[in-house]
Amino acid sequence: MFDYILIGIVSVVIIALLCWIYIHFAGRKQPTQKLIKKSEGPGFAHCPLCNMPLPIGDNIITKVYRPMDVPDQRCIVMGCIHCYPKVEPGLRRICPVCHKEVPVTGNLIARLFNKRDGSKHVHIVCCTECSKKS
């Protein structure tokens, strides 16, 4: 009878120890970018180049070509305040199409769609590194 009680106590101690290890060390192996994404709320957008979370209302530096009254326009995206005109330490400007690093002198080429309700949608086509191939 003593053997069964001893096995039960040892198994409870092992389970408690495994739970403590999981809770204590689970969040430490995640990369920094995932921690940034977890801390953001529903009011955030991302820079298409450096993927930094930006509060809604923060501007991304762009150039939009005329005419302004058409539903589809050509647009050039330079970056956000974190990656243009100077890249903050630890950030990389990555093209979402070809996944190559875009230099500070480079940019993204995009299409800007003006919807009837006044909202806008941007579709990234390529970057200056992608367009060198074509």
C-alpha atoms as a PDB file:
ATOM      1  CA  MET A   1       0.000   0.000   0.000  1.00  0.00           C
ATOM      2  CA  PHE A   2       2.876   2.317   0.809  1.00  0.00           C
ATOM      3  CA  ASP A   3       4.271   1.813  -2.728  1.00  0.00           C
ATOM      4  CA  TYR A   4       1.081   3.119  -4.377  1.00  0.00           C
ATOM      5  CA  ILE A   5       1.016   6.234  -2.179  1.00  0.00           C
ATOM      6  CA  LEU A   6       4.683   6.918  -2.947  1.00  0.00           C
ATOM      7  CA  ILE A   7       4.121   6.514  -6.738  1.00  0.00           C
ATOM      8  CA  GLY A   8       1.110   8.887  -6.550  1.00  0.00           C
ATOM      9  CA  ILE A   9       3.071  11.568  -4.667  1.00  0.00           C
ATOM     10  CA  VAL A  10       6.049  11.321  -7.071  1.00  0.00           C
ATOM     11  CA  SER A  11       3.781  11.621 -10.140  1.00  0.00           C
ATOM     12  CA  VAL A  12       2.020  14.708  -8.712  1.00  0.00           C
ATOM     13  CA  VAL A  13       5.404  16.329  -7.985  1.00  0.00           C
ATOM     14  CA  ILE A  14       6.659  15.568 -11.528  1.00  0.00           C
ATOM     15  CA  ILE A  15       3.483  17.003 -13.112  1.00  0.00           C
ATOM     16  CA  ALA A  16       3.711  20.139 -10.953  1.00  0.00           C
ATOM     17  CA  LEU A  17       7.388  20.571 -11.865  1.00  0.00           C
ATOM     18  CA  LEU A  18       6.651  20.229 -15.615  1.00  0.00           C
ATOM     19  CA  CYS A  19       3.820  22.779 -15.368  1.00  0.00           C
ATOM     20  CA  TRP A  20       6.085  25.244 -13.568  1.00  0.00           C
ATOM     21  CA  ILE A  21       8.843  24.816 -16.192  1.00  0.00           C
ATOM     22  CA  TYR A  22       6.356  25.331 -19.048  1.00  0.00           C
ATOM     23  CA  ILE A  23       4.855  28.484 -17.497  1.00  0.00           C
ATOM     24  CA  HIS A  24       8.234  29.933 -16.532  1.00  0.00           C
ATOM     25  CA  PHE A  25      10.102  29.339 -19.817  1.00  0.00           C
ATOM     26  CA  ALA A  26       7.349  29.326 -22.495  1.00  0.00           C
ATOM     27  CA  GLY A  27       7.540  33.010 -23.507  1.00  0.00           C
ATOM     28  CA  ARG A  28      11.327  33.371 -23.538  1.00  0.00           C
ATOM     29  CA  LYS A  29      12.064  31.555 -26.812  1.00  0.00           C
ATOM     30  CA  GLN A  30       9.872  33.760 -29.008  1.00  0.00           C
ATOM     31  CA  PRO A  31      11.565  36.212 -31.385  1.00  0.00           C
ATOM     32  CA  THR A  32      11.320  39.958 -30.767  1.00  0.00           C
ATOM     33  CA  GLN A  33       8.972  40.593 -33.716  1.00  0.00           C
ATOM     34  CA  LYS A  34       6.372  38.202 -32.314  1.00  0.00           C
ATOM     35  CA  LEU A  35       6.493  40.002 -28.966  1.00  0.00           C
ATOM     36  CA  ILE A  36       5.868  43.314 -30.756  1.00  0.00           C
ATOM     37  CA  LYS A  37       2.870  41.841 -32.563  1.00  0.00           C
ATOM     38  CA  LYS A  38       1.390  40.503 -29.323  1.00  0.00           C
ATOM     39  CA  SER A  39       1.594  43.904 -27.622  1.00  0.00           C
ATOM     40  CA  GLU A  40      -0.279  45.711 -30.356  1.00  0.00           C
ATOM     41  CA  GLY A  41      -3.982  46.353 -30.147  1.00  0.00           C
ATOM     42  CA  PRO A  42      -6.712  46.494 -32.780  1.00  0.00           C
ATOM     43  CA  GLY A  43      -5.780  50.098 -33.678  1.00  0.00           C
ATOM     44  CA  PHE A  44      -2.462  49.279 -35.364  1.00  0.00           C
ATOM     45  CA  ALA A  45      -1.284  49.011 -38.967  1.00  0.00           C
ATOM     46  CA  HIS A  46       2.105  47.835 -40.253  1.00  0.00           C
ATOM     47  CA  CYS A  47       4.706  49.480 -42.461  1.00  0.00           C
ATOM     48  CA  PRO A  48       4.960  47.369 -45.643  1.00  0.00           C
ATOM     49  CA  LEU A  49       8.767  47.675 -45.664  1.00  0.00           C
ATOM     50  CA  CYS A  50       9.984  47.259 -42.076  1.00  0.00           C
ATOM     51  CA  ASN A  51       6.791  45.669 -40.636  1.00  0.00           C
ATOM     52  CA  MET A  52       6.822  47.996 -37.613  1.00  0.00           C
ATOM     53  CA  PRO A  53       3.404  48.446 -35.981  1.00  0.00           C
ATOM     54  CA  LEU A  54       2.085  51.980 -36.476  1.00  0.00           C
ATOM     55  CA  PRO A  55      -0.925  53.527 -34.774  1.00  0.00           C
ATOM     56  CA  ILE A  56      -3.794  54.315 -37.117  1.00  0.00           C
ATOM     57  CA  GLY A  57      -3.265  57.862 -38.336  1.00  0.00           C
ATOM     58  CA  ASP A  58       0.531  57.676 -38.566  1.00  0.00           C
ATOM     59  CA  ASN A  59       1.600  58.352 -42.128  1.00  0.00           C
ATOM     60  CA  ILE A  60       3.672  56.220 -44.436  1.00  0.00           C
ATOM     61  CA  ILE A  61       5.736  58.375 -46.785  1.00  0.00           C
ATOM     62  CA  THR A  62       4.431  57.919 -50.332  1.00  0.00           C
ATOM     63  CA  LYS A  63       4.218  59.614 -53.726  1.00  0.00           C
ATOM     64  CA  VAL A  64       0.940  59.327 -55.628  1.00  0.00           C
ATOM     65  CA  TYR A  65       0.875  60.142 -59.329  1.00  0.00           C
ATOM     66  CA  ARG A  66      -1.937  62.102 -60.993  1.00  0.00           C
ATOM     67  CA  PRO A  67      -4.771  62.082 -62.093  1.00  0.00           C
ATOM     68  CA  MET A  68      -6.421  62.037 -58.667  1.00  0.00           C
ATOM     69  CA  ASP A  69     -10.001  61.315 -59.793  1.00  0.00           C
ATOM     70  CA  VAL A  70      -9.422  57.805 -61.185  1.00  0.00           C
ATOM     71  CA  PRO A  71     -10.072  54.613 -59.170  1.00  0.00           C
ATOM     72  CA  ASP A  72      -6.559  53.203 -59.819  1.00  0.00           C
ATOM     73  CA  GLN A  73      -3.315  55.195 -59.440  1.00  0.00           C
ATOM     74  CA  ARG A  74       0.395  54.450 -59.450  1.00  0.00           C
ATOM     75  CA  CYS A  75       2.025  54.959 -56.073  1.00  0.00           C
ATOM     76  CA  ILE A  76       5.550  54.765 -54.643  1.00  0.00           C
ATOM     77  CA  VAL A  77       6.005  53.813 -50.975  1.00  0.00           C
ATOM     78  CA  MET A  78       9.212  55.095 -49.375  1.00  0.00           C
ATOM     79  CA  GLY A  79       8.589  53.816 -45.830  1.00  0.00           C
ATOM     80  CA  CYS A  80       7.490  54.934 -42.375  1.00  0.00           C
ATOM     81  CA  ILE A  81       9.160  57.211 -39.824  1.00  0.00           C
ATOM     82  CA  HIS A  82      11.143  54.211 -38.519  1.00  0.00           C
ATOM     83  CA  CYS A  83      12.725  53.198 -41.848  1.00  0.00           C
ATOM     84  CA  TYR A  84      12.795  56.369 -43.995  1.00  0.00           C
ATOM     85  CA  PRO A  85      14.872  58.571 -44.490  1.00  0.00           C
ATOM     86  CA  LYS A  86      17.073  56.770 -41.957  1.00  0.00           C
ATOM     87  CA  VAL A  87      16.653  53.157 -40.821  1.00  0.00           C
ATOM     88  CA  GLU A  88      16.497  52.686 -37.052  1.00  0.00           C
ATOM     89  CA  PRO A  89      18.995  50.207 -35.581  1.00  0.00           C
ATOM     90  CA  GLY A  90      17.801  46.620 -35.700  1.00  0.00           C
ATOM     91  CA  LEU A  91      15.275  47.132 -38.523  1.00  0.00           C
ATOM     92  CA  ARG A  92      15.481  45.686 -42.023  1.00  0.00           C
ATOM     93  CA  ARG A  93      13.545  46.971 -45.039  1.00  0.00           C
ATOM     94  CA  ILE A  94      12.262  43.809 -46.748  1.00  0.00           C
ATOM     95  CA  CYS A  95      10.204  43.711 -49.959  1.00  0.00           C
ATOM     96  CA  PRO A  96       6.927  41.785 -49.400  1.00  0.00           C
ATOM     97  CA  VAL A  97       7.064  40.471 -53.000  1.00  0.00           C
ATOM     98  CA  CYS A  98      10.627  39.195 -53.565  1.00  0.00           C
ATOM     99  CA  HIS A  99      11.712  39.149 -49.864  1.00  0.00           C
ATOM    100  CA  LYS A 100      15.018  40.906 -50.659  1.00  0.00           C
ATOM    101  CA  GLU A 101      16.398  43.773 -48.611  1.00  0.00           C
ATOM    102  CA  VAL A 102      15.487  47.192 -50.044  1.00  0.00           C
ATOM    103  CA  PRO A 103      18.116  49.949 -49.575  1.00  0.00           C
ATOM    104  CA  VAL A 104      17.098  53.333 -48.139  1.00  0.00           C
ATOM    105  CA  THR A 105      17.434  54.805 -51.635  1.00  0.00           C
ATOM    106  CA  GLY A 106      14.954  52.184 -52.916  1.00  0.00           C
ATOM    107  CA  ASN A 107      11.172  52.019 -52.589  1.00  0.00           C
ATOM    108  CA  LEU A 108       8.087  49.918 -53.256  1.00  0.00           C
ATOM    109  CA  ILE A 109       6.018  50.344 -56.414  1.00  0.00           C
ATOM    110  CA  ALA A 110       2.311  49.988 -55.714  1.00  0.00           C
ATOM    111  CA  ARG A 111      -1.206  50.564 -57.036  1.00  0.00           C
ATOM    112  CA  LEU A 112      -3.530  52.789 -54.999  1.00  0.00           C
ATOM    113  CA  PHE A 113      -7.210  51.946 -55.341  1.00  0.00           C
ATOM    114  CA  ASN A 114      -9.666  54.709 -54.412  1.00  0.00           C
ATOM    115  CA  LYS A 115     -12.957  53.127 -53.398  1.00  0.00           C
ATOM    116  CA  ARG A 116     -16.335  54.811 -53.860  1.00  0.00           C
ATOM    117  CA  ASP A 117     -16.867  55.160 -50.109  1.00  0.00           C
ATOM    118  CA  GLY A 118     -13.665  57.251 -49.819  1.00  0.00           C
ATOM    119  CA  SER A 119     -11.437  54.543 -48.385  1.00  0.00           C
ATOM    120  CA  LYS A 120      -8.165  53.563 -50.019  1.00  0.00           C
ATOM    121  CA  HIS A 121      -6.425  50.241 -50.640  1.00  0.00           C
ATOM    122  CA  VAL A 122      -2.762  49.772 -51.603  1.00  0.00           C
ATOM    123  CA  HIS A 123      -1.498  46.725 -53.518  1.00  0.00           C
ATOM    124  CA  ILE A 124       2.315  46.296 -53.592  1.00  0.00           C
ATOM    125  CA  VAL A 125       3.476  45.268 -57.083  1.00  0.00           C
ATOM    126  CA  CYS A 126       7.287  45.172 -56.735  1.00  0.00           C
ATOM    127  CA  CYS A 127      10.286  47.020 -55.326  1.00  0.00           C
ATOM    128  CA  THR A 128      13.279  48.668 -56.955  1.00  0.00           C
ATOM    129  CA  GLU A 129      15.213  45.412 -56.489  1.00  0.00           C
ATOM    130  CA  CYS A 130      12.458  43.314 -58.183  1.00  0.00           C
ATOM    131  CA  SER A 131      12.176  45.740 -61.097  1.00  0.00           C
ATOM    132  CA  LYS A 132      15.916  45.495 -61.856  1.00  0.00           C
ATOM    133  CA  LYS A 133      15.290  41.959 -63.169  1.00  0.00           C
ATOM    134  CA  SER A 134      12.568  42.999 -65.630  1.00  0.00           C
END
